[in-house]
Amino acid sequence: MGPILVFGHRNPDNDSICSAVAYAHLKNRTDADNVYLPVRLGPVPPETAWVFERFGIDLPEEVAHVKTRVRDVMTADPVAVSRDASVLEAGRLMREHGVRALPVVRDGAVEGIVSAATLAERYVQETNVRGFAESPVRLRSLAAVVDGDLVEGDPDATVSGDVLVGAMELETMIGYLKPGDVLIVGDRRRTQPMALEAGVACLVVTGGKTPARDVLALARERGAAVIVTPHDTFAAARLADLARPVHTVLDVTVPLVGPEDLVEEIAEDMVASPHREAVVVDHDGALLGVVTRTDLVRGRRRRVVLVDHNETAQSALGIEQAQVLEVIDHHRIGDVQTSQPALFLNLPVGATATIVAGRYRELGVEVPEPMAGILLSAILTDTVLLKSPTTTARDVATAQELAARIGVAPVEFGLEMFDARARAEDDDVERAALRDLKEYRVGDAVVAIGQIETVDAGKTIERFGDVRSALEALRAARGYDLLVLMVTDVLREGSVLCAAGKTRMLERALGTQLADGQTWVDGMLSRKKQLAPLLIEASTR
């Protein structure tokens, strides 16, 4: 099975990414049976890039969704057969491996499949032994198919004539033979040399009886081959028919799919296809796996761990198709559902990173310095340097413990981080708002609140330019009733609230008037514990 994905919410903030990386590290240290892979659901905030670079940690890859992919359900590295292998070899491989079809490859690339149904159909429909005119067969392959020994001839030479059985009177049979044919014959002392004189390319002698020396000498003289098989003539004839190469029964109409294709997108085509399977290939057509209808029904789902969120709307696309194993969060209880019991750890603290650091202690694992660094940064950003109303004594104690681990003072470290973010701040209001945007249902209205922290809110807003028009365009495009951007000043310990849409909702909640869609609110640091509750409460008045 694939790795277990660990990720935070969409439009990830620092806590979301740092907690995912640190928790994946912890799980890899404590769960030897699985591999945990941290990923993210959006762009990397500037402060996250800064802290990861400072501590020498690779940023997690971004994923578009967690929907079930072909690679999640396919059989990887399946048994395959070369286009030049014999039909008999293909049949034996199917029997040995318990499969109904085999991918056929040529120089590593998939050409099609050969199926048990096709082989059975050919066997039932064909009453005569087919010749090798359409596709010559190497003597080596013919000997192997009939379980025989090549006692005369070049194993790499090929035969391309008709295949006949020497069961009739000699005089009659000679009339059927042509130069280049293959004759299957028993221990018939008169027939063998006469057939060689007639120009047959190969004698397949049944019953395990090696021809006389003079017959072998004649074969050598004529450039003909002699194969001795232990089978009787009937069995040898049926087996010889299976010496034909696989590409003569190749089916090229089998569906080819990619490993990243979504199961929901290929399912309909597979059900409608006459084939029970599809072959999985890479961009170069090389074989990667096989997916069957049974695989689709069984439907192994991607396994995930959610951190810093537990609502479907904030999670990865396709989360309903995934198997949620754990949830580590500090927000309100949302609507994520699990098909099986899962670890759900939700604590009223200021940052998910505080919970993750606590899990290190609980499991007896020392937090490495790089993990301590990113966890500290996550606590400081989510609690706005431990000044937000969401900050708890546990957040403060954890931050101090992590800071001591890496030898820094928490506030100074946090200011350095916020300064790095300020230098990288975006001049585009829309991108800034979307970077950390949360949606709320306030009565019958849909309200979205974005938040950015800065060391100088005034300069940030001045750099944005026409904030009101930009927010109104974003609000209209997204269909929100009210859009608020909190520009939080970590030094002045307050926020400039910029709004668009039904701004009276915000004015009622704050008990003040907006000026050009903006107002400063002293002490307003938390979207979750301050602004959102005010809006919800005002809607009930």
Protein backbone atom coordinates (compact mmCIF):
# COMPACT_ATOMS: atom_id res chain seq x y z
CA MET A 1 0.00 0.00 0.00
CA GLY A 2 1.06 3.59 -0.56
CA PRO A 3 2.17 6.07 2.10
CA ILE A 4 -0.23 7.64 4.56
CA LEU A 5 -0.65 11.31 3.64
CA VAL A 6 -0.50 13.88 6.44
CA PHE A 7 -1.80 17.34 5.60
CA GLY A 8 -3.44 20.48 6.91
CA HIS A 9 -6.23 22.58 5.43
CA ARG A 10 -6.54 24.28 2.07
CA ASN A 11 -4.77 27.64 1.70
CA PRO A 12 -2.38 26.41 4.38
CA ASP A 13 -0.97 28.70 7.03
CA ASN A 14 2.27 28.13 8.89
CA ASP A 15 0.71 25.97 11.61
CA SER A 16 -0.99 23.76 9.03
CA ILE A 17 2.22 22.92 7.16
CA CYS A 18 4.58 22.76 10.14
CA SER A 19 2.26 20.53 12.16
CA ALA A 20 1.82 18.15 9.23
CA VAL A 21 5.57 17.80 8.72
CA ALA A 22 6.36 17.36 12.41
CA TYR A 23 3.53 14.89 12.99
CA ALA A 24 4.55 12.82 9.97
CA HIS A 25 8.09 12.73 11.41
CA LEU A 26 6.74 11.53 14.75
CA LYS A 27 4.58 8.84 13.16
CA ASN A 28 7.50 7.55 11.10
CA ARG A 29 9.48 7.22 14.34
CA THR A 30 6.73 5.34 16.18
CA ASP A 31 4.95 3.29 13.49
CA ALA A 32 7.33 0.89 11.77
CA ASP A 33 4.55 -0.69 9.70
CA ASN A 34 3.70 2.39 7.65
CA VAL A 35 5.26 5.34 5.88
CA TYR A 36 3.84 8.79 6.59
CA LEU A 37 4.28 11.48 3.94
CA PRO A 38 3.60 15.15 4.74
CA VAL A 39 1.97 17.10 1.91
CA ARG A 40 0.24 20.45 1.56
CA LEU A 41 -2.94 21.70 -0.10
CA GLY A 42 -1.74 25.04 -1.38
CA PRO A 43 1.10 27.55 -1.69
CA VAL A 44 3.75 27.99 0.98
CA PRO A 45 3.45 31.13 3.14
CA PRO A 46 6.60 33.30 3.27
CA GLU A 47 7.20 32.65 6.97
CA THR A 48 7.00 28.91 6.37
CA ALA A 49 9.55 29.09 3.58
CA TRP A 50 11.80 31.12 5.87
CA VAL A 51 11.65 28.76 8.84
CA PHE A 52 12.09 25.63 6.70
CA GLU A 53 15.15 27.14 5.07
CA ARG A 54 16.54 28.17 8.44
CA PHE A 55 16.32 24.65 9.82
CA GLY A 56 17.29 22.86 6.60
CA ILE A 57 14.00 21.02 6.06
CA ASP A 58 12.52 20.19 2.67
CA LEU A 59 9.10 21.69 2.06
CA PRO A 60 6.35 19.12 1.52
CA GLU A 61 5.00 18.56 -1.98
CA GLU A 62 1.64 19.98 -2.97
CA VAL A 63 -1.21 17.59 -3.84
CA ALA A 64 -4.30 18.49 -5.83
CA HIS A 65 -6.62 15.89 -4.30
CA VAL A 66 -6.83 12.61 -2.39
CA LYS A 67 -9.26 10.90 -4.73
CA THR A 68 -8.61 7.24 -5.41
CA ARG A 69 -6.15 6.90 -8.26
CA VAL A 70 -5.34 3.95 -10.47
CA ARG A 71 -2.02 3.49 -8.65
CA ASP A 72 -3.95 3.06 -5.39
CA VAL A 73 -5.84 -0.01 -6.62
CA MET A 74 -3.63 -1.51 -9.34
CA THR A 75 -1.40 -4.56 -9.11
CA ALA A 76 2.08 -3.14 -9.53
CA ASP A 77 4.88 -4.90 -11.42
CA PRO A 78 2.59 -7.58 -12.88
CA VAL A 79 3.86 -10.67 -14.65
CA ALA A 80 4.13 -9.95 -18.37
CA VAL A 81 5.12 -11.84 -21.49
CA SER A 82 7.27 -10.94 -24.46
CA ARG A 83 5.61 -10.63 -27.84
CA ASP A 84 7.99 -13.34 -29.11
CA ALA A 85 7.22 -15.82 -26.33
CA SER A 86 5.15 -18.86 -27.26
CA VAL A 87 1.42 -19.03 -26.70
CA LEU A 88 2.07 -22.05 -24.48
CA GLU A 89 4.43 -20.04 -22.28
CA ALA A 90 1.78 -17.36 -21.91
CA GLY A 91 -0.79 -19.95 -20.87
CA ARG A 92 1.57 -21.49 -18.33
CA LEU A 93 2.32 -18.08 -16.82
CA MET A 94 -1.39 -17.40 -16.43
CA ARG A 95 -1.88 -20.71 -14.66
CA GLU A 96 1.14 -20.29 -12.39
CA HIS A 97 0.23 -16.77 -11.31
CA GLY A 98 -3.54 -17.19 -11.22
CA VAL A 99 -4.31 -14.41 -13.69
CA ARG A 100 -6.67 -14.29 -16.65
CA ALA A 101 -4.59 -12.08 -18.90
CA LEU A 102 -1.01 -10.96 -19.43
CA PRO A 103 0.34 -7.68 -20.75
CA VAL A 104 2.43 -8.23 -23.87
CA VAL A 105 5.59 -6.14 -24.05
CA ARG A 106 8.18 -5.31 -26.66
CA ASP A 107 11.36 -3.53 -25.62
CA GLY A 108 9.65 -2.58 -22.37
CA ALA A 109 6.62 -0.97 -24.02
CA VAL A 110 3.12 -2.44 -23.83
CA GLU A 111 1.65 -3.66 -27.13
CA GLY A 112 -1.57 -5.19 -25.81
CA ILE A 113 -2.68 -8.24 -23.86
CA VAL A 114 -3.17 -11.95 -24.35
CA SER A 115 -6.05 -13.44 -22.39
CA ALA A 116 -7.08 -16.91 -21.33
CA ALA A 117 -10.40 -16.33 -23.06
CA THR A 118 -8.66 -15.66 -26.38
CA LEU A 119 -6.50 -18.76 -26.06
CA ALA A 120 -9.48 -20.93 -25.16
CA GLU A 121 -11.49 -19.56 -28.07
CA ARG A 122 -8.68 -20.28 -30.50
CA TYR A 123 -8.22 -23.79 -29.14
CA VAL A 124 -11.92 -24.65 -29.45
CA GLN A 125 -12.45 -23.09 -32.87
CA GLU A 126 -9.37 -24.47 -34.64
CA THR A 127 -9.61 -28.13 -35.55
CA ASN A 128 -6.48 -28.13 -37.69
CA VAL A 129 -2.93 -27.42 -36.63
CA ARG A 130 -2.02 -24.04 -38.00
CA GLY A 131 1.26 -23.54 -39.76
CA PHE A 132 3.96 -21.01 -39.10
CA ALA A 133 3.76 -19.11 -42.40
CA GLU A 134 2.28 -15.99 -40.82
CA SER A 135 4.84 -15.93 -38.05
CA PRO A 136 7.98 -18.09 -38.21
CA VAL A 137 8.93 -19.99 -35.05
CA ARG A 138 12.42 -20.59 -33.72
CA LEU A 139 13.42 -24.20 -33.34
CA ARG A 140 14.37 -23.49 -29.75
CA SER A 141 10.81 -22.43 -29.02
CA LEU A 142 9.23 -25.33 -30.89
CA ALA A 143 11.38 -27.84 -29.01
CA ALA A 144 10.50 -26.25 -25.67
CA VAL A 145 6.78 -26.27 -26.41
CA VAL A 146 6.69 -29.98 -27.17
CA ASP A 147 9.02 -30.72 -24.23
CA GLY A 148 11.47 -32.13 -26.73
CA ASP A 149 15.20 -32.25 -27.41
CA LEU A 150 16.64 -30.64 -30.52
CA VAL A 151 18.96 -33.44 -31.62
CA GLU A 152 19.75 -31.89 -34.97
CA GLY A 153 19.65 -28.30 -36.20
CA ASP A 154 20.42 -24.72 -35.15
CA PRO A 155 18.23 -23.69 -32.18
CA ASP A 156 18.09 -20.09 -33.43
CA ALA A 157 16.95 -21.08 -36.92
CA THR A 158 13.27 -20.58 -37.76
CA VAL A 159 10.65 -22.68 -39.50
CA SER A 160 7.82 -21.10 -41.45
CA GLY A 161 5.98 -23.87 -43.28
CA ASP A 162 2.80 -25.80 -42.64
CA VAL A 163 2.58 -28.27 -39.77
CA LEU A 164 1.42 -31.76 -40.79
CA VAL A 165 0.89 -35.03 -38.97
CA GLY A 166 2.37 -38.14 -40.59
CA ALA A 167 -0.55 -40.46 -39.92
CA MET A 168 -1.49 -41.45 -43.48
CA GLU A 169 0.09 -43.84 -45.97
CA LEU A 170 3.53 -42.73 -47.07
CA GLU A 171 2.63 -42.37 -50.71
CA THR A 172 -0.41 -40.28 -49.87
CA MET A 173 1.41 -38.10 -47.37
CA ILE A 174 4.27 -37.28 -49.74
CA GLY A 175 1.74 -35.54 -51.93
CA TYR A 176 0.97 -33.09 -49.11
CA LEU A 177 4.52 -32.23 -48.12
CA LYS A 178 6.24 -29.09 -49.36
CA PRO A 179 9.75 -27.80 -48.76
CA GLY A 180 9.95 -25.95 -45.45
CA ASP A 181 7.09 -27.83 -43.75
CA VAL A 182 7.17 -29.33 -40.26
CA LEU A 183 6.19 -32.99 -39.99
CA ILE A 184 5.06 -34.57 -36.73
CA VAL A 185 5.63 -38.29 -37.02
CA GLY A 186 6.12 -41.36 -34.85
CA ASP A 187 8.77 -44.05 -35.14
CA ARG A 188 8.16 -44.59 -38.85
CA ARG A 189 11.43 -45.72 -40.40
CA ARG A 190 10.22 -45.30 -44.01
CA THR A 191 8.41 -42.02 -43.52
CA GLN A 192 11.21 -40.07 -41.83
CA PRO A 193 13.83 -40.25 -44.63
CA MET A 194 11.20 -39.81 -47.36
CA ALA A 195 9.99 -36.62 -45.67
CA LEU A 196 13.53 -35.29 -45.48
CA GLU A 197 14.01 -36.09 -49.15
CA ALA A 198 10.81 -34.12 -49.85
CA GLY A 199 12.43 -31.05 -48.22
CA VAL A 200 10.75 -30.74 -44.83
CA ALA A 201 12.48 -28.24 -42.57
CA CYS A 202 11.88 -30.11 -39.34
CA LEU A 203 10.89 -33.55 -38.12
CA VAL A 204 9.16 -33.74 -34.75
CA VAL A 205 9.54 -37.38 -33.75
CA THR A 206 7.06 -38.51 -31.08
CA GLY A 207 7.15 -41.25 -28.47
CA GLY A 208 10.69 -40.40 -27.38
CA LYS A 209 12.23 -42.51 -30.16
CA THR A 210 15.41 -40.96 -31.55
CA PRO A 211 15.71 -41.57 -35.31
CA ALA A 212 18.38 -43.86 -36.69
CA ARG A 213 21.84 -42.47 -37.40
CA ASP A 214 21.30 -42.51 -41.13
CA VAL A 215 18.15 -40.40 -40.71
CA LEU A 216 20.02 -37.88 -38.56
CA ALA A 217 22.84 -37.80 -41.11
CA LEU A 218 20.35 -37.17 -43.89
CA ALA A 219 18.76 -34.37 -41.88
CA ARG A 220 22.17 -32.79 -41.37
CA GLU A 221 22.91 -33.10 -45.07
CA ARG A 222 19.59 -31.51 -46.01
CA GLY A 223 19.90 -28.75 -43.41
CA ALA A 224 16.79 -29.97 -41.63
CA ALA A 225 16.14 -30.11 -37.90
CA VAL A 226 15.07 -33.07 -35.78
CA ILE A 227 13.21 -32.72 -32.48
CA VAL A 228 12.47 -35.73 -30.28
CA THR A 229 9.49 -35.38 -27.92
CA PRO A 230 8.21 -37.85 -25.30
CA HIS A 231 4.60 -36.99 -26.15
CA ASP A 232 2.38 -39.01 -28.46
CA THR A 233 1.52 -37.66 -31.89
CA PHE A 234 -1.83 -36.14 -30.89
CA ALA A 235 -0.37 -34.28 -27.92
CA ALA A 236 2.64 -33.12 -29.90
CA ALA A 237 0.38 -31.74 -32.64
CA ARG A 238 -1.71 -29.74 -30.18
CA LEU A 239 1.39 -28.47 -28.40
CA ALA A 240 3.11 -27.52 -31.64
CA ASP A 241 0.16 -25.30 -32.45
CA LEU A 242 0.98 -23.41 -29.24
CA ALA A 243 4.52 -22.67 -30.39
CA ARG A 244 3.27 -19.66 -32.29
CA PRO A 245 4.46 -16.36 -30.79
CA VAL A 246 2.13 -14.43 -28.56
CA HIS A 247 1.86 -11.51 -30.96
CA THR A 248 -0.20 -13.73 -33.28
CA VAL A 249 -3.00 -13.74 -30.69
CA LEU A 250 -2.35 -10.24 -29.38
CA ASP A 251 -5.32 -8.00 -28.55
CA VAL A 252 -4.43 -4.35 -28.98
CA THR A 253 -7.84 -2.98 -27.97
CA VAL A 254 -7.20 -3.28 -24.23
CA PRO A 255 -7.59 0.08 -22.42
CA LEU A 256 -4.35 1.80 -21.43
CA VAL A 257 -4.49 4.07 -18.37
CA GLY A 258 -2.03 6.14 -16.37
CA PRO A 259 -1.18 5.67 -12.68
CA GLU A 260 -2.54 9.11 -11.76
CA ASP A 261 -5.85 8.62 -13.60
CA LEU A 262 -8.82 8.75 -11.26
CA VAL A 263 -10.71 5.52 -10.66
CA GLU A 264 -14.01 7.38 -10.97
CA GLU A 265 -13.02 8.48 -14.48
CA ILE A 266 -11.96 5.07 -15.83
CA ALA A 267 -14.62 2.96 -14.13
CA GLU A 268 -17.35 3.55 -16.71
CA ASP A 269 -15.03 2.74 -19.62
CA MET A 270 -13.83 -0.44 -17.93
CA VAL A 271 -17.34 -1.66 -17.22
CA ALA A 272 -18.30 -1.06 -20.86
CA SER A 273 -15.13 -2.69 -22.20
CA PRO A 274 -15.08 -6.34 -23.28
CA HIS A 275 -11.89 -6.65 -21.26
CA ARG A 276 -11.90 -7.29 -17.53
CA GLU A 277 -8.71 -5.35 -17.09
CA ALA A 278 -6.80 -2.25 -18.15
CA VAL A 279 -3.03 -1.97 -18.44
CA VAL A 280 -1.29 0.81 -16.52
CA VAL A 281 1.56 2.51 -18.37
CA ASP A 282 3.80 5.53 -17.89
CA HIS A 283 4.27 8.41 -20.33
CA ASP A 284 6.63 6.29 -22.43
CA GLY A 285 4.22 3.35 -22.63
CA ALA A 286 6.26 1.22 -20.22
CA LEU A 287 4.34 -1.29 -18.11
CA LEU A 288 3.59 -0.22 -14.52
CA GLY A 289 0.66 -2.38 -13.49
CA VAL A 290 -2.72 -3.92 -14.20
CA VAL A 291 -6.09 -2.84 -12.82
CA THR A 292 -9.13 -5.14 -12.99
CA ARG A 293 -12.84 -4.69 -12.44
CA THR A 294 -12.38 -6.52 -9.15
CA ASP A 295 -9.83 -3.91 -8.12
CA LEU A 296 -12.41 -1.19 -8.80
CA VAL A 297 -15.00 -2.94 -6.65
CA ARG A 298 -12.52 -3.59 -3.86
CA GLY A 299 -11.43 0.03 -4.10
CA ARG A 300 -8.49 0.48 -1.76
CA ARG A 301 -8.76 4.07 -0.57
CA ARG A 302 -5.96 6.50 0.13
CA ARG A 303 -5.12 6.72 3.82
CA VAL A 304 -4.81 10.17 5.37
CA VAL A 305 -4.19 11.99 8.63
CA LEU A 306 -5.78 15.43 8.99
CA VAL A 307 -4.06 18.14 11.02
CA ASP A 308 -5.26 21.65 11.84
CA HIS A 309 -8.74 21.06 10.39
CA ASN A 310 -11.65 18.65 10.50
CA GLU A 311 -14.15 20.11 8.04
CA THR A 312 -14.76 18.72 4.57
CA ALA A 313 -14.88 22.17 2.96
CA GLN A 314 -11.38 22.93 4.27
CA SER A 315 -9.87 19.57 3.41
CA ALA A 316 -8.49 18.05 0.24
CA LEU A 317 -10.69 17.42 -2.77
CA GLY A 318 -11.91 13.84 -2.65
CA ILE A 319 -11.61 13.56 1.14
CA GLU A 320 -14.89 11.61 1.13
CA GLN A 321 -13.11 8.89 -0.87
CA ALA A 322 -10.19 8.65 1.54
CA GLN A 323 -9.80 6.66 4.74
CA VAL A 324 -9.22 9.12 7.57
CA LEU A 325 -7.03 7.46 10.20
CA GLU A 326 -6.41 10.38 12.56
CA VAL A 327 -7.45 13.97 13.16
CA ILE A 328 -5.21 16.35 15.16
CA ASP A 329 -6.84 19.77 15.50
CA HIS A 330 -7.66 22.76 17.70
CA HIS A 331 -10.72 24.10 15.87
CA ARG A 332 -14.43 23.47 16.37
CA ILE A 333 -15.72 20.00 15.56
CA GLY A 334 -16.61 19.85 11.88
CA ASP A 335 -18.23 17.38 9.51
CA VAL A 336 -15.43 15.04 8.47
CA GLN A 337 -16.72 11.47 8.64
CA THR A 338 -14.77 8.24 8.98
CA SER A 339 -15.70 4.74 7.86
CA GLN A 340 -13.83 3.17 10.78
CA PRO A 341 -12.85 4.26 14.29
CA ALA A 342 -10.12 6.90 14.16
CA LEU A 343 -7.93 8.77 16.62
CA PHE A 344 -9.59 12.19 17.01
CA LEU A 345 -7.52 14.54 19.15
CA ASN A 346 -9.04 18.00 19.48
CA LEU A 347 -7.84 20.36 22.21
CA PRO A 348 -8.76 24.00 22.96
CA VAL A 349 -5.27 25.43 22.49
CA GLY A 350 -3.87 28.20 20.32
CA ALA A 351 -2.11 26.04 17.73
CA THR A 352 -2.16 22.50 16.41
CA ALA A 353 1.63 22.55 16.82
CA THR A 354 1.11 22.62 20.59
CA ILE A 355 -0.81 19.35 20.35
CA VAL A 356 1.82 17.78 18.07
CA ALA A 357 4.63 18.74 20.45
CA GLY A 358 2.61 17.16 23.25
CA ARG A 359 2.32 13.93 21.28
CA TYR A 360 6.13 13.76 21.12
CA ARG A 361 6.20 13.88 24.93
CA GLU A 362 3.40 11.35 25.30
CA LEU A 363 5.11 8.86 23.00
CA GLY A 364 8.53 9.34 24.59
CA VAL A 365 10.22 10.78 21.50
CA GLU A 366 12.63 13.69 21.81
CA VAL A 367 11.79 16.52 19.43
CA PRO A 368 14.74 17.00 17.03
CA GLU A 369 15.95 20.59 16.71
CA PRO A 370 14.56 21.10 13.17
CA MET A 371 11.13 19.86 14.26
CA ALA A 372 11.32 21.98 17.41
CA GLY A 373 12.09 25.02 15.26
CA ILE A 374 9.13 24.65 12.93
CA LEU A 375 6.74 23.75 15.77
CA LEU A 376 7.80 26.87 17.68
CA SER A 377 7.26 29.01 14.59
CA ALA A 378 3.77 27.52 14.15
CA ILE A 379 2.76 28.31 17.73
CA LEU A 380 4.08 31.87 17.44
CA THR A 381 2.24 32.59 14.19
CA ASP A 382 -1.07 31.05 15.25
CA THR A 383 -1.03 32.82 18.64
CA VAL A 384 0.47 36.07 17.25
CA LEU A 385 3.56 35.90 19.45
CA LEU A 386 1.52 34.37 22.30
CA LYS A 387 -0.66 37.52 22.51
CA SER A 388 -3.83 36.21 20.85
CA PRO A 389 -6.86 35.47 23.05
CA THR A 390 -6.59 31.89 21.81
CA THR A 391 -3.27 31.50 23.65
CA THR A 392 -3.36 29.07 26.57
CA ALA A 393 -0.89 28.29 29.34
CA ARG A 394 -0.11 25.09 27.49
CA ASP A 395 0.87 27.07 24.36
CA VAL A 396 3.17 29.30 26.41
CA ALA A 397 4.83 26.39 28.19
CA THR A 398 5.29 24.45 24.96
CA ALA A 399 6.75 27.47 23.17
CA GLN A 400 9.24 28.03 25.98
CA GLU A 401 10.22 24.37 25.95
CA LEU A 402 10.75 24.34 22.17
CA ALA A 403 12.65 27.64 22.27
CA ALA A 404 15.01 26.22 24.88
CA ARG A 405 15.53 23.18 22.67
CA ILE A 406 16.87 25.34 19.84
CA GLY A 407 18.45 28.03 22.00
CA VAL A 408 16.34 31.09 21.14
CA ALA A 409 14.06 33.53 22.94
CA PRO A 410 10.47 32.95 21.72
CA VAL A 411 9.46 36.57 21.10
CA GLU A 412 12.74 37.56 19.41
CA PHE A 413 12.55 34.48 17.21
CA GLY A 414 8.94 35.32 16.34
CA LEU A 415 9.75 38.93 15.46
CA GLU A 416 12.55 37.75 13.19
CA MET A 417 10.08 35.44 11.48
CA PHE A 418 7.42 38.14 11.07
CA ASP A 419 10.06 40.51 9.72
CA ALA A 420 11.02 37.88 7.12
CA ARG A 421 7.37 37.59 6.15
CA ALA A 422 6.99 41.36 5.90
CA ARG A 423 9.87 41.52 3.45
CA ALA A 424 8.14 38.92 1.29
CA GLU A 425 4.60 40.28 1.63
CA ASP A 426 2.47 40.26 -1.48
CA ASP A 427 1.34 43.55 -2.99
CA ASP A 428 -1.81 41.88 -4.34
CA VAL A 429 -4.82 42.12 -2.03
CA GLU A 430 -6.60 39.12 -3.54
CA ARG A 431 -3.62 36.78 -3.12
CA ALA A 432 -3.08 38.04 0.43
CA ALA A 433 -6.72 37.44 1.36
CA LEU A 434 -6.85 33.99 -0.20
CA ARG A 435 -3.65 32.83 1.47
CA ASP A 436 -5.47 32.19 4.75
CA LEU A 437 -9.20 32.48 4.12
CA LYS A 438 -11.86 30.81 6.28
CA GLU A 439 -15.57 30.63 5.51
CA TYR A 440 -18.34 30.86 8.11
CA ARG A 441 -22.10 30.48 8.05
CA VAL A 442 -23.54 33.49 9.88
CA GLY A 443 -27.30 33.13 9.95
CA ASP A 444 -28.34 32.92 6.31
CA ALA A 445 -25.18 34.65 5.12
CA VAL A 446 -21.84 33.25 4.00
CA VAL A 447 -18.97 35.24 5.48
CA ALA A 448 -15.30 34.82 4.58
CA ILE A 449 -12.51 36.14 6.78
CA GLY A 450 -8.91 36.32 5.65
CA GLN A 451 -6.05 37.20 7.94
CA ILE A 452 -2.46 38.29 7.49
CA GLU A 453 -0.03 39.25 10.26
CA THR A 454 2.48 42.03 9.76
CA VAL A 455 4.83 44.22 11.77
CA ASP A 456 3.29 47.40 10.27
CA ALA A 457 -0.37 47.23 9.24
CA GLY A 458 -0.39 50.78 7.91
CA LYS A 459 2.43 50.21 5.44
CA THR A 460 0.91 46.92 4.34
CA ILE A 461 -2.45 48.50 3.50
CA GLU A 462 -0.76 51.45 1.80
CA ARG A 463 1.15 49.02 -0.39
CA PHE A 464 -2.09 47.23 -1.31
CA GLY A 465 -3.57 50.36 -2.91
CA ASP A 466 -7.34 50.25 -3.56
CA VAL A 467 -8.19 47.58 -1.01
CA ARG A 468 -11.96 48.10 -1.09
CA SER A 469 -12.36 47.60 -4.85
CA ALA A 470 -10.11 44.55 -4.85
CA LEU A 471 -12.01 42.92 -1.99
CA GLU A 472 -15.36 43.70 -3.62
CA ALA A 473 -14.25 42.02 -6.85
CA LEU A 474 -13.11 38.95 -4.92
CA ARG A 475 -16.32 38.86 -2.86
CA ALA A 476 -18.50 39.04 -5.96
CA ALA A 477 -16.50 36.37 -7.75
CA ARG A 478 -16.78 34.00 -4.78
CA GLY A 479 -20.41 34.77 -3.96
CA TYR A 480 -19.80 35.81 -0.34
CA ASP A 481 -22.25 38.07 1.47
CA LEU A 482 -19.40 39.63 3.42
CA LEU A 483 -15.64 39.46 2.95
CA VAL A 484 -13.31 40.72 5.68
CA LEU A 485 -9.53 40.96 5.56
CA MET A 486 -7.85 41.22 8.98
CA VAL A 487 -4.48 42.95 8.68
CA THR A 488 -3.07 42.17 12.13
CA ASP A 489 -0.26 44.32 13.50
CA VAL A 490 1.75 42.11 15.87
CA LEU A 491 3.59 45.07 17.41
CA ARG A 492 0.57 47.33 18.03
CA GLU A 493 -1.52 44.28 19.03
CA GLY A 494 -4.57 45.04 16.95
CA SER A 495 -5.97 44.73 13.44
CA VAL A 496 -7.18 46.86 10.60
CA LEU A 497 -10.42 45.28 9.34
CA CYS A 498 -11.06 45.82 5.62
CA ALA A 499 -14.52 44.78 4.41
CA ALA A 500 -16.61 44.44 1.27
CA GLY A 501 -20.22 43.42 0.72
CA LYS A 502 -22.79 43.62 3.52
CA THR A 503 -20.55 45.74 5.71
CA ARG A 504 -23.46 46.59 8.05
CA MET A 505 -23.05 43.08 9.46
CA LEU A 506 -19.51 43.98 10.54
CA GLU A 507 -20.53 47.40 11.84
CA ARG A 508 -23.28 45.86 14.02
CA ALA A 509 -20.85 43.28 15.34
CA LEU A 510 -18.20 45.89 16.22
CA GLY A 511 -20.58 48.65 17.27
CA THR A 512 -18.72 51.16 15.12
CA GLN A 513 -18.80 52.72 11.66
CA LEU A 514 -16.37 51.84 8.90
CA ALA A 515 -14.48 54.55 7.06
CA ASP A 516 -14.03 53.67 3.39
CA GLY A 517 -14.63 50.04 4.31
CA GLN A 518 -11.95 49.98 7.04
CA THR A 519 -11.54 50.33 10.80
CA TRP A 520 -8.84 49.76 13.38
CA VAL A 521 -9.77 47.48 16.30
CA ASP A 522 -7.38 47.55 19.22
CA GLY A 523 -6.67 44.12 20.70
CA MET A 524 -8.30 42.30 17.77
CA LEU A 525 -5.86 39.46 17.08
CA SER A 526 -7.94 36.30 16.63
CA ARG A 527 -10.32 35.54 13.81
CA LYS A 528 -11.56 32.41 15.53
CA LYS A 529 -12.06 33.68 19.09
CA GLN A 530 -12.85 37.33 18.49
CA LEU A 531 -14.13 38.39 15.07
CA ALA A 532 -16.11 35.29 14.03
CA PRO A 533 -17.98 35.00 17.38
CA LEU A 534 -18.86 38.73 17.24
CA LEU A 535 -20.38 38.32 13.78
CA ILE A 536 -22.33 35.21 14.78
CA GLU A 537 -23.63 36.84 17.97
CA ALA A 538 -24.68 40.00 16.12
CA SER A 539 -26.69 37.93 13.63
CA THR A 540 -28.90 36.59 16.44
CA ARG A 541 -29.90 39.98 17.82
